[in-house]
């Protein structure tokens, strides 16, 4: 910018305070927007990964049941509580059977929760020995207002 003073040209270089404040304000707005988008993206990735893990685990239980492994029923017990988790198990009949054997407990990560089963309740998906069949059912998980379901058909297909 050039300023004329008493017939002399004075060159001033630099930015005004207003220009700097506008740039800083714009950068703050863009940063806030980026953080929100990244957070939602991260929650979505975590939700998808959790859903894929549940599908994988249920398919493993269905495969073991259909193969007649141990002549047992195989399944998952989903718990919606203070900390949501599911338990993979085998049993001569159902989850409450005294002969039940727990294979593993899988806790849901971070902000992922069950919305089905409902709060403070649980749900079982059990695959019958040899047939691999079950009762058609589903579980739903959610994170940051996004929800995903895992469905199981009566024939034992998991998707």
Foldseek 3Di string as FASTA:
>chain_A
DWDADPNDTDDDDDDDPVVVVVVVVVVVVVVVVVVVVVVVVVQVVLQVVVLVVVLVLLVVQLVCQQVCPVVWKWWKKWFAEPWTKIWTWTHNPDPPDPRIDTDDIGTRDDQKGWPPVPHGDMDMWIQHHNQSFTDWDKTWIDGPPDIDIWTAHRSGRID
